[in-house]
Amino acid sequence: MHSSAAAESAAMDIDLSRIVPEHVRADENLFNLAACASFIESGSDLYTQNLVAYFEGDEEVEGWLRNQWEQEELNHGKTLRAYVRHVWPEFDWDTAFGTFLEEYAGYCKVELLGPTRALELAARCVVETGTATYYRALSRSASEPVFRELTRRIADQEVSHYKHFYRFFRRYREQERVGRLRVLDILVRRTLELKSEDADCAIRHVIATRHPDRAADAEHIRAASAQMSRTVRTHLSAGTTLKMLMRPLELPARVQAWIQVPVTQFMQHVFLR
């Protein structure tokens, strides 16, 4: 393992030397998945800055965002970047990430956060649910053992992040006396946004750097994005995802059982479209 890659992957104790590059170098879908994820995770400090500003004065939330959430998200990015560099060293990650970040910064604005702290925390529960679901699917799909282990660990940390956001949400829900209908509205809207511009932005910049001749080939970019979506769709587990999404509503068990089928159908529409 190259020393720089070793240092980057050490954050999650991932031994990249166990990879047999020639077994995976030809897997363009794996490359796209790993590279896009590394970009989005490496840009997570933009969101952290916005959330820290939004929760200014709440020392518990502010401290956790700065000292744990941001660090762990950036570690995800560092380890995924190390994986990409180890298997595909010819890929100019820094250049591609730089152009990605210029565009991605436009998606990370304070004014896009929720109208109240409680509702923003409910929205964060949706985002963490989607991220955990995504990495679980990648882990199930992976035939390469190191990528399977890496994405499983990231999924586990995303679930941990969800639990923190959910705990903060409950505190603010009580303070703001936010009703279920307002929570439901934010959950639905943010769920519909899960397939957001993030991945589309990332794949455009990945392809533009890896295959400059395809940078303007919209059909090629759509095909690569569709293949990534199929990977997630094929290995999606709706049960845990559904429970995480519905938890902020804190519905009675009888009501939750009654709406489970339509909510499941809604979730399948969102994740499988």
C-alpha atoms as a PDB file:
ATOM      1  CA  MET A   1       0.000   0.000   0.000  1.00  0.00           C
ATOM      2  CA  HIS A   2       1.229   3.489  -0.795  1.00  0.00           C
ATOM      3  CA  SER A   3       2.052   5.460   2.364  1.00  0.00           C
ATOM      4  CA  SER A   4      -0.501   8.214   1.563  1.00  0.00           C
ATOM      5  CA  ALA A   5      -3.233   5.660   0.992  1.00  0.00           C
ATOM      6  CA  ALA A   6      -2.273   3.900   4.210  1.00  0.00           C
ATOM      7  CA  ALA A   7      -2.583   7.129   6.180  1.00  0.00           C
ATOM      8  CA  GLU A   8      -5.987   7.922   4.692  1.00  0.00           C
ATOM      9  CA  SER A   9      -7.464   4.476   5.245  1.00  0.00           C
ATOM     10  CA  ALA A  10      -6.134   4.249   8.802  1.00  0.00           C
ATOM     11  CA  ALA A  11      -9.039   6.429   9.969  1.00  0.00           C
ATOM     12  CA  MET A  12     -11.330   3.429   9.565  1.00  0.00           C
ATOM     13  CA  ASP A  13      -8.699   0.714   9.976  1.00  0.00           C
ATOM     14  CA  ILE A  14      -9.179  -0.553   6.443  1.00  0.00           C
ATOM     15  CA  ASP A  15      -6.290  -2.636   5.099  1.00  0.00           C
ATOM     16  CA  LEU A  16      -6.141  -1.778   1.409  1.00  0.00           C
ATOM     17  CA  SER A  17      -3.309  -4.229   0.861  1.00  0.00           C
ATOM     18  CA  ARG A  18      -5.921  -6.998   0.927  1.00  0.00           C
ATOM     19  CA  ILE A  19      -7.327  -5.746  -2.389  1.00  0.00           C
ATOM     20  CA  VAL A  20      -6.288  -7.560  -5.542  1.00  0.00           C
ATOM     21  CA  PRO A  21      -6.525  -4.585  -7.937  1.00  0.00           C
ATOM     22  CA  GLU A  22      -6.512  -6.661 -11.116  1.00  0.00           C
ATOM     23  CA  HIS A  23      -9.686  -8.393  -9.899  1.00  0.00           C
ATOM     24  CA  VAL A  24     -11.636  -5.141  -9.679  1.00  0.00           C
ATOM     25  CA  ARG A  25      -9.965  -2.557 -11.928  1.00  0.00           C
ATOM     26  CA  ALA A  26     -12.227  -3.467 -14.850  1.00  0.00           C
ATOM     27  CA  ASP A  27     -15.407  -2.938 -12.794  1.00  0.00           C
ATOM     28  CA  GLU A  28     -16.433   0.516 -14.019  1.00  0.00           C
ATOM     29  CA  ASN A  29     -19.606   0.503 -11.925  1.00  0.00           C
ATOM     30  CA  LEU A  30     -17.620  -0.114  -8.742  1.00  0.00           C
ATOM     31  CA  PHE A  31     -15.287   2.709  -9.697  1.00  0.00           C
ATOM     32  CA  ASN A  32     -18.215   5.085 -10.226  1.00  0.00           C
ATOM     33  CA  LEU A  33     -19.854   4.099  -6.946  1.00  0.00           C
ATOM     34  CA  ALA A  34     -16.655   4.479  -4.928  1.00  0.00           C
ATOM     35  CA  ALA A  35     -15.546   7.715  -6.595  1.00  0.00           C
ATOM     36  CA  CYS A  36     -18.957   9.424  -6.327  1.00  0.00           C
ATOM     37  CA  ALA A  37     -19.310   8.428  -2.684  1.00  0.00           C
ATOM     38  CA  SER A  38     -15.813   9.707  -1.938  1.00  0.00           C
ATOM     39  CA  PHE A  39     -16.696  13.114  -3.422  1.00  0.00           C
ATOM     40  CA  ILE A  40     -19.947  13.550  -1.517  1.00  0.00           C
ATOM     41  CA  GLU A  41     -18.465  12.420   1.804  1.00  0.00           C
ATOM     42  CA  SER A  42     -15.401  14.623   1.322  1.00  0.00           C
ATOM     43  CA  GLY A  43     -17.633  17.647   0.826  1.00  0.00           C
ATOM     44  CA  SER A  44     -19.591  17.054   4.041  1.00  0.00           C
ATOM     45  CA  ASP A  45     -17.835  19.880   5.882  1.00  0.00           C
ATOM     46  CA  LEU A  46     -19.936  22.307   3.812  1.00  0.00           C
ATOM     47  CA  TYR A  47     -23.079  20.930   5.432  1.00  0.00           C
ATOM     48  CA  THR A  48     -21.443  20.895   8.842  1.00  0.00           C
ATOM     49  CA  GLN A  49     -20.629  24.603   8.657  1.00  0.00           C
ATOM     50  CA  ASN A  50     -24.245  25.385   7.809  1.00  0.00           C
ATOM     51  CA  LEU A  51     -25.649  23.221  10.583  1.00  0.00           C
ATOM     52  CA  VAL A  52     -23.230  24.576  13.174  1.00  0.00           C
ATOM     53  CA  ALA A  53     -24.337  28.107  12.263  1.00  0.00           C
ATOM     54  CA  TYR A  54     -27.978  27.043  12.367  1.00  0.00           C
ATOM     55  CA  PHE A  55     -27.635  25.549  15.870  1.00  0.00           C
ATOM     56  CA  GLU A  56     -25.466  28.311  17.264  1.00  0.00           C
ATOM     57  CA  GLY A  57     -25.959  28.556  21.006  1.00  0.00           C
ATOM     58  CA  ASP A  58     -26.836  24.891  21.514  1.00  0.00           C
ATOM     59  CA  GLU A  59     -23.519  23.638  22.854  1.00  0.00           C
ATOM     60  CA  GLU A  60     -24.489  19.957  22.793  1.00  0.00           C
ATOM     61  CA  VAL A  61     -25.602  19.885  19.153  1.00  0.00           C
ATOM     62  CA  GLU A  62     -22.873  22.267  18.018  1.00  0.00           C
ATOM     63  CA  GLY A  63     -20.158  20.272  19.777  1.00  0.00           C
ATOM     64  CA  TRP A  64     -21.339  16.942  18.405  1.00  0.00           C
ATOM     65  CA  LEU A  65     -21.555  18.311  14.867  1.00  0.00           C
ATOM     66  CA  ARG A  66     -18.029  19.715  15.003  1.00  0.00           C
ATOM     67  CA  ASN A  67     -16.255  17.031  16.998  1.00  0.00           C
ATOM     68  CA  GLN A  68     -17.910  13.819  15.869  1.00  0.00           C
ATOM     69  CA  TRP A  69     -20.253  14.070  12.911  1.00  0.00           C
ATOM     70  CA  GLU A  70     -17.990  16.167  10.695  1.00  0.00           C
ATOM     71  CA  GLN A  71     -14.889  14.136  11.568  1.00  0.00           C
ATOM     72  CA  GLU A  72     -16.551  10.801  10.872  1.00  0.00           C
ATOM     73  CA  GLU A  73     -18.073  11.991   7.607  1.00  0.00           C
ATOM     74  CA  LEU A  74     -14.717  13.316   6.426  1.00  0.00           C
ATOM     75  CA  ASN A  75     -13.084  10.039   7.462  1.00  0.00           C
ATOM     76  CA  HIS A  76     -15.564   8.233   5.221  1.00  0.00           C
ATOM     77  CA  GLY A  77     -14.417  10.455   2.374  1.00  0.00           C
ATOM     78  CA  LYS A  78     -10.731   9.918   3.118  1.00  0.00           C
ATOM     79  CA  THR A  79     -11.093   6.138   3.232  1.00  0.00           C
ATOM     80  CA  LEU A  80     -13.172   5.974   0.050  1.00  0.00           C
ATOM     81  CA  ARG A  81     -10.646   8.267  -1.655  1.00  0.00           C
ATOM     82  CA  ALA A  82      -7.824   5.983  -0.543  1.00  0.00           C
ATOM     83  CA  TYR A  83      -9.718   3.002  -1.989  1.00  0.00           C
ATOM     84  CA  VAL A  84     -10.151   4.747  -5.348  1.00  0.00           C
ATOM     85  CA  ARG A  85      -6.512   5.834  -5.466  1.00  0.00           C
ATOM     86  CA  HIS A  86      -5.287   2.357  -4.554  1.00  0.00           C
ATOM     87  CA  VAL A  87      -7.263   0.546  -7.250  1.00  0.00           C
ATOM     88  CA  TRP A  88      -7.307   3.259  -9.944  1.00  0.00           C
ATOM     89  CA  PRO A  89      -4.125   5.330  -9.328  1.00  0.00           C
ATOM     90  CA  GLU A  90      -4.342   6.900 -12.794  1.00  0.00           C
ATOM     91  CA  PHE A  91      -7.566   8.723 -11.863  1.00  0.00           C
ATOM     92  CA  ASP A  92      -6.873  12.385 -11.054  1.00  0.00           C
ATOM     93  CA  TRP A  93      -9.030  12.468  -7.917  1.00  0.00           C
ATOM     94  CA  ASP A  94      -7.944  15.943  -6.793  1.00  0.00           C
ATOM     95  CA  THR A  95      -8.814  17.616 -10.087  1.00  0.00           C
ATOM     96  CA  ALA A  96     -12.172  15.864 -10.353  1.00  0.00           C
ATOM     97  CA  PHE A  97     -13.070  16.651  -6.741  1.00  0.00           C
ATOM     98  CA  GLY A  98     -12.079  20.285  -7.192  1.00  0.00           C
ATOM     99  CA  THR A  99     -14.480  20.808 -10.082  1.00  0.00           C
ATOM    100  CA  PHE A 100     -17.176  18.842  -8.261  1.00  0.00           C
ATOM    101  CA  LEU A 101     -16.810  20.972  -5.134  1.00  0.00           C
ATOM    102  CA  GLU A 102     -17.213  24.218  -7.085  1.00  0.00           C
ATOM    103  CA  GLU A 103     -20.646  23.079  -8.247  1.00  0.00           C
ATOM    104  CA  TYR A 104     -21.600  21.182  -5.088  1.00  0.00           C
ATOM    105  CA  ALA A 105     -21.084  24.236  -2.873  1.00  0.00           C
ATOM    106  CA  GLY A 106     -24.151  25.746  -4.534  1.00  0.00           C
ATOM    107  CA  TYR A 107     -26.302  22.938  -3.122  1.00  0.00           C
ATOM    108  CA  CYS A 108     -25.164  23.566   0.464  1.00  0.00           C
ATOM    109  CA  LYS A 109     -26.813  26.788   1.576  1.00  0.00           C
ATOM    110  CA  VAL A 110     -28.160  27.769   4.990  1.00  0.00           C
ATOM    111  CA  GLU A 111     -31.412  28.938   3.419  1.00  0.00           C
ATOM    112  CA  LEU A 112     -32.101  25.373   2.262  1.00  0.00           C
ATOM    113  CA  LEU A 113     -32.302  24.117   5.862  1.00  0.00           C
ATOM    114  CA  GLY A 114     -35.609  23.422   7.613  1.00  0.00           C
ATOM    115  CA  PRO A 115     -37.889  26.244   8.828  1.00  0.00           C
ATOM    116  CA  THR A 116     -37.330  25.287  12.481  1.00  0.00           C
ATOM    117  CA  ARG A 117     -34.640  23.372  14.339  1.00  0.00           C
ATOM    118  CA  ALA A 118     -36.969  20.466  15.085  1.00  0.00           C
ATOM    119  CA  LEU A 119     -37.966  20.136  11.425  1.00  0.00           C
ATOM    120  CA  GLU A 120     -34.365  20.386  10.233  1.00  0.00           C
ATOM    121  CA  LEU A 121     -33.449  17.574  12.626  1.00  0.00           C
ATOM    122  CA  ALA A 122     -36.341  15.501  11.273  1.00  0.00           C
ATOM    123  CA  ALA A 123     -34.976  16.168   7.787  1.00  0.00           C
ATOM    124  CA  ARG A 124     -31.510  15.056   8.919  1.00  0.00           C
ATOM    125  CA  CYS A 125     -33.079  11.787  10.103  1.00  0.00           C
ATOM    126  CA  VAL A 126     -34.325  11.264   6.542  1.00  0.00           C
ATOM    127  CA  VAL A 127     -30.909  12.021   5.059  1.00  0.00           C
ATOM    128  CA  GLU A 128     -29.115   9.668   7.459  1.00  0.00           C
ATOM    129  CA  THR A 129     -31.720   6.980   6.726  1.00  0.00           C
ATOM    130  CA  GLY A 130     -31.077   7.335   3.018  1.00  0.00           C
ATOM    131  CA  THR A 131     -27.302   7.276   3.458  1.00  0.00           C
ATOM    132  CA  ALA A 132     -27.372   4.216   5.717  1.00  0.00           C
ATOM    133  CA  THR A 133     -29.685   2.473   3.245  1.00  0.00           C
ATOM    134  CA  TYR A 134     -27.373   3.358   0.355  1.00  0.00           C
ATOM    135  CA  TYR A 135     -24.226   2.013   2.000  1.00  0.00           C
ATOM    136  CA  ARG A 136     -25.973  -1.141   3.212  1.00  0.00           C
ATOM    137  CA  ALA A 137     -27.007  -1.802  -0.380  1.00  0.00           C
ATOM    138  CA  LEU A 138     -23.456  -1.195  -1.619  1.00  0.00           C
ATOM    139  CA  SER A 139     -22.094  -3.577   1.001  1.00  0.00           C
ATOM    140  CA  ARG A 140     -24.541  -6.308  -0.011  1.00  0.00           C
ATOM    141  CA  SER A 141     -23.751  -5.785  -3.674  1.00  0.00           C
ATOM    142  CA  ALA A 142     -19.955  -5.881  -3.352  1.00  0.00           C
ATOM    143  CA  SER A 143     -18.012  -8.957  -4.359  1.00  0.00           C
ATOM    144  CA  GLU A 144     -14.725  -7.269  -3.423  1.00  0.00           C
ATOM    145  CA  PRO A 145     -14.208  -7.953   0.338  1.00  0.00           C
ATOM    146  CA  VAL A 146     -12.531  -4.662   1.293  1.00  0.00           C
ATOM    147  CA  PHE A 147     -15.216  -2.509  -0.323  1.00  0.00           C
ATOM    148  CA  ARG A 148     -17.867  -4.696   1.297  1.00  0.00           C
ATOM    149  CA  GLU A 149     -16.305  -4.177   4.730  1.00  0.00           C
ATOM    150  CA  LEU A 150     -15.742  -0.442   4.181  1.00  0.00           C
ATOM    151  CA  THR A 151     -19.318   0.273   3.118  1.00  0.00           C
ATOM    152  CA  ARG A 152     -20.715  -1.857   5.955  1.00  0.00           C
ATOM    153  CA  ARG A 153     -18.746   0.191   8.480  1.00  0.00           C
ATOM    154  CA  ILE A 154     -19.909   3.445   6.936  1.00  0.00           C
ATOM    155  CA  ALA A 155     -23.527   2.233   7.055  1.00  0.00           C
ATOM    156  CA  ASP A 156     -23.134   1.404  10.755  1.00  0.00           C
ATOM    157  CA  GLN A 157     -21.799   4.893  11.488  1.00  0.00           C
ATOM    158  CA  GLU A 158     -24.631   6.494   9.530  1.00  0.00           C
ATOM    159  CA  VAL A 159     -27.113   4.625  11.730  1.00  0.00           C
ATOM    160  CA  SER A 160     -25.279   5.992  14.771  1.00  0.00           C
ATOM    161  CA  HIS A 161     -25.545   9.504  13.337  1.00  0.00           C
ATOM    162  CA  TYR A 162     -29.259   8.966  12.812  1.00  0.00           C
ATOM    163  CA  LYS A 163     -29.676   8.119  16.495  1.00  0.00           C
ATOM    164  CA  HIS A 164     -28.019  11.374  17.544  1.00  0.00           C
ATOM    165  CA  PHE A 165     -30.126  13.477  15.174  1.00  0.00           C
ATOM    166  CA  TYR A 166     -33.256  11.676  16.354  1.00  0.00           C
ATOM    167  CA  ARG A 167     -32.411  12.365  20.019  1.00  0.00           C
ATOM    168  CA  PHE A 168     -31.858  16.047  19.262  1.00  0.00           C
ATOM    169  CA  PHE A 169     -35.098  16.085  17.259  1.00  0.00           C
ATOM    170  CA  ARG A 170     -37.117  14.809  20.216  1.00  0.00           C
ATOM    171  CA  ARG A 171     -35.750  17.554  22.429  1.00  0.00           C
ATOM    172  CA  TYR A 172     -36.587  20.301  19.951  1.00  0.00           C
ATOM    173  CA  ARG A 173     -39.962  18.796  19.092  1.00  0.00           C
ATOM    174  CA  GLU A 174     -40.959  19.175  22.729  1.00  0.00           C
ATOM    175  CA  GLN A 175     -39.630  22.741  22.865  1.00  0.00           C
ATOM    176  CA  GLU A 176     -41.345  23.823  19.640  1.00  0.00           C
ATOM    177  CA  ARG A 177     -44.469  21.683  20.118  1.00  0.00           C
ATOM    178  CA  VAL A 178     -44.282  20.522  16.517  1.00  0.00           C
ATOM    179  CA  GLY A 179     -47.254  18.405  15.456  1.00  0.00           C
ATOM    180  CA  ARG A 180     -47.161  15.162  13.478  1.00  0.00           C
ATOM    181  CA  LEU A 181     -48.551  16.750  10.315  1.00  0.00           C
ATOM    182  CA  ARG A 182     -45.651  19.205  10.079  1.00  0.00           C
ATOM    183  CA  VAL A 183     -43.180  16.402  10.767  1.00  0.00           C
ATOM    184  CA  LEU A 184     -44.861  14.208   8.151  1.00  0.00           C
ATOM    185  CA  ASP A 185     -44.675  17.024   5.603  1.00  0.00           C
ATOM    186  CA  ILE A 186     -40.922  17.460   6.074  1.00  0.00           C
ATOM    187  CA  LEU A 187     -40.344  13.688   6.046  1.00  0.00           C
ATOM    188  CA  VAL A 188     -42.221  13.280   2.767  1.00  0.00           C
ATOM    189  CA  ARG A 189     -40.537  16.243   1.098  1.00  0.00           C
ATOM    190  CA  ARG A 190     -37.043  15.232   2.143  1.00  0.00           C
ATOM    191  CA  THR A 191     -37.654  11.605   1.190  1.00  0.00           C
ATOM    192  CA  LEU A 192     -38.641  12.709  -2.303  1.00  0.00           C
ATOM    193  CA  GLU A 193     -35.367  14.642  -2.464  1.00  0.00           C
ATOM    194  CA  LEU A 194     -33.210  11.653  -1.499  1.00  0.00           C
ATOM    195  CA  LYS A 195     -32.354  11.022  -5.125  1.00  0.00           C
ATOM    196  CA  SER A 196     -30.964  14.526  -5.221  1.00  0.00           C
ATOM    197  CA  GLU A 197     -28.490  16.465  -7.293  1.00  0.00           C
ATOM    198  CA  ASP A 198     -25.581  15.164  -5.192  1.00  0.00           C
ATOM    199  CA  ALA A 199     -25.041  11.891  -7.039  1.00  0.00           C
ATOM    200  CA  ASP A 200     -25.851  13.434 -10.429  1.00  0.00           C
ATOM    201  CA  CYS A 201     -23.304  16.165  -9.799  1.00  0.00           C
ATOM    202  CA  ALA A 202     -20.662  13.672  -8.671  1.00  0.00           C
ATOM    203  CA  ILE A 203     -21.003  11.286 -11.626  1.00  0.00           C
ATOM    204  CA  ARG A 204     -20.723  14.158 -14.120  1.00  0.00           C
ATOM    205  CA  HIS A 205     -17.398  15.257 -12.666  1.00  0.00           C
ATOM    206  CA  VAL A 206     -16.118  11.699 -12.269  1.00  0.00           C
ATOM    207  CA  ILE A 207     -16.772  10.937 -15.926  1.00  0.00           C
ATOM    208  CA  ALA A 208     -15.474  14.317 -17.126  1.00  0.00           C
ATOM    209  CA  THR A 209     -12.088  13.568 -15.541  1.00  0.00           C
ATOM    210  CA  ARG A 210     -11.897   9.833 -16.206  1.00  0.00           C
ATOM    211  CA  HIS A 211     -13.287  10.000 -19.747  1.00  0.00           C
ATOM    212  CA  PRO A 212     -12.916  13.592 -21.017  1.00  0.00           C
ATOM    213  CA  ASP A 213     -14.258  12.538 -24.409  1.00  0.00           C
ATOM    214  CA  ARG A 214     -17.535  11.569 -22.709  1.00  0.00           C
ATOM    215  CA  ALA A 215     -17.891  14.739 -20.615  1.00  0.00           C
ATOM    216  CA  ALA A 216     -20.681  16.081 -22.830  1.00  0.00           C
ATOM    217  CA  ASP A 217     -22.228  12.669 -23.586  1.00  0.00           C
ATOM    218  CA  ALA A 218     -25.507  12.939 -21.672  1.00  0.00           C
ATOM    219  CA  GLU A 219     -26.591   9.439 -22.685  1.00  0.00           C
ATOM    220  CA  HIS A 220     -23.393   7.873 -21.354  1.00  0.00           C
ATOM    221  CA  ILE A 221     -23.730   9.778 -18.077  1.00  0.00           C
ATOM    222  CA  ARG A 222     -27.386   8.710 -17.720  1.00  0.00           C
ATOM    223  CA  ALA A 223     -26.430   5.081 -18.394  1.00  0.00           C
ATOM    224  CA  ALA A 224     -23.710   5.158 -15.730  1.00  0.00           C
ATOM    225  CA  SER A 225     -26.108   6.749 -13.235  1.00  0.00           C
ATOM    226  CA  ALA A 226     -28.798   4.184 -14.056  1.00  0.00           C
ATOM    227  CA  GLN A 227     -26.396   1.307 -13.480  1.00  0.00           C
ATOM    228  CA  MET A 228     -25.459   2.731 -10.075  1.00  0.00           C
ATOM    229  CA  SER A 229     -29.163   3.026  -9.209  1.00  0.00           C
ATOM    230  CA  ARG A 230     -29.773  -0.573 -10.252  1.00  0.00           C
ATOM    231  CA  THR A 231     -27.012  -1.707  -7.916  1.00  0.00           C
ATOM    232  CA  VAL A 232     -28.729  -0.001  -4.972  1.00  0.00           C
ATOM    233  CA  ARG A 233     -32.220  -1.084  -6.056  1.00  0.00           C
ATOM    234  CA  THR A 234     -31.274  -4.733  -6.360  1.00  0.00           C
ATOM    235  CA  HIS A 235     -29.832  -4.872  -2.839  1.00  0.00           C
ATOM    236  CA  LEU A 236     -32.249  -2.591  -1.034  1.00  0.00           C
ATOM    237  CA  SER A 237     -33.855  -3.725   2.226  1.00  0.00           C
ATOM    238  CA  ALA A 238     -37.016  -1.700   2.838  1.00  0.00           C
ATOM    239  CA  GLY A 239     -37.838  -2.965   6.354  1.00  0.00           C
ATOM    240  CA  THR A 240     -35.177  -1.182   8.393  1.00  0.00           C
ATOM    241  CA  THR A 241     -35.392   1.884   6.173  1.00  0.00           C
ATOM    242  CA  LEU A 242     -39.123   2.144   6.756  1.00  0.00           C
ATOM    243  CA  LYS A 243     -38.765   1.928  10.545  1.00  0.00           C
ATOM    244  CA  MET A 244     -36.095   4.637  10.593  1.00  0.00           C
ATOM    245  CA  LEU A 245     -38.148   6.968   8.400  1.00  0.00           C
ATOM    246  CA  MET A 246     -41.343   6.583  10.410  1.00  0.00           C
ATOM    247  CA  ARG A 247     -39.748   6.853  13.830  1.00  0.00           C
ATOM    248  CA  PRO A 248     -39.906  10.678  14.111  1.00  0.00           C
ATOM    249  CA  LEU A 249     -43.700  10.451  13.732  1.00  0.00           C
ATOM    250  CA  GLU A 250     -43.868   8.347  16.919  1.00  0.00           C
ATOM    251  CA  LEU A 251     -47.096   6.717  15.827  1.00  0.00           C
ATOM    252  CA  PRO A 252     -49.012   4.210  17.966  1.00  0.00           C
ATOM    253  CA  ALA A 253     -48.188   0.632  16.954  1.00  0.00           C
ATOM    254  CA  ARG A 254     -51.696   0.055  15.600  1.00  0.00           C
ATOM    255  CA  VAL A 255     -51.567   3.110  13.348  1.00  0.00           C
ATOM    256  CA  GLN A 256     -48.052   2.272  12.184  1.00  0.00           C
ATOM    257  CA  ALA A 257     -49.163  -1.227  11.186  1.00  0.00           C
ATOM    258  CA  TRP A 258     -52.158   0.220   9.327  1.00  0.00           C
ATOM    259  CA  ILE A 259     -50.094   2.596   7.179  1.00  0.00           C
ATOM    260  CA  GLN A 260     -47.113   0.286   6.674  1.00  0.00           C
ATOM    261  CA  VAL A 261     -48.222  -1.003   3.253  1.00  0.00           C
ATOM    262  CA  PRO A 262     -48.860   2.412   1.621  1.00  0.00           C
ATOM    263  CA  VAL A 263     -45.693   3.846   3.158  1.00  0.00           C
ATOM    264  CA  THR A 264     -43.688   0.868   1.891  1.00  0.00           C
ATOM    265  CA  GLN A 265     -45.102   1.411  -1.592  1.00  0.00           C
ATOM    266  CA  PHE A 266     -44.158   5.086  -1.390  1.00  0.00           C
ATOM    267  CA  MET A 267     -40.619   4.201  -0.318  1.00  0.00           C
ATOM    268  CA  GLN A 268     -40.241   1.722  -3.152  1.00  0.00           C
ATOM    269  CA  HIS A 269     -41.314   4.440  -5.574  1.00  0.00           C
ATOM    270  CA  VAL A 270     -38.690   6.817  -4.182  1.00  0.00           C
ATOM    271  CA  PHE A 271     -35.773   4.387  -4.017  1.00  0.00           C
ATOM    272  CA  LEU A 272     -36.575   2.304  -7.059  1.00  0.00           C
ATOM    273  CA  ARG A 273     -37.558   4.942  -9.603  1.00  0.00           C
END
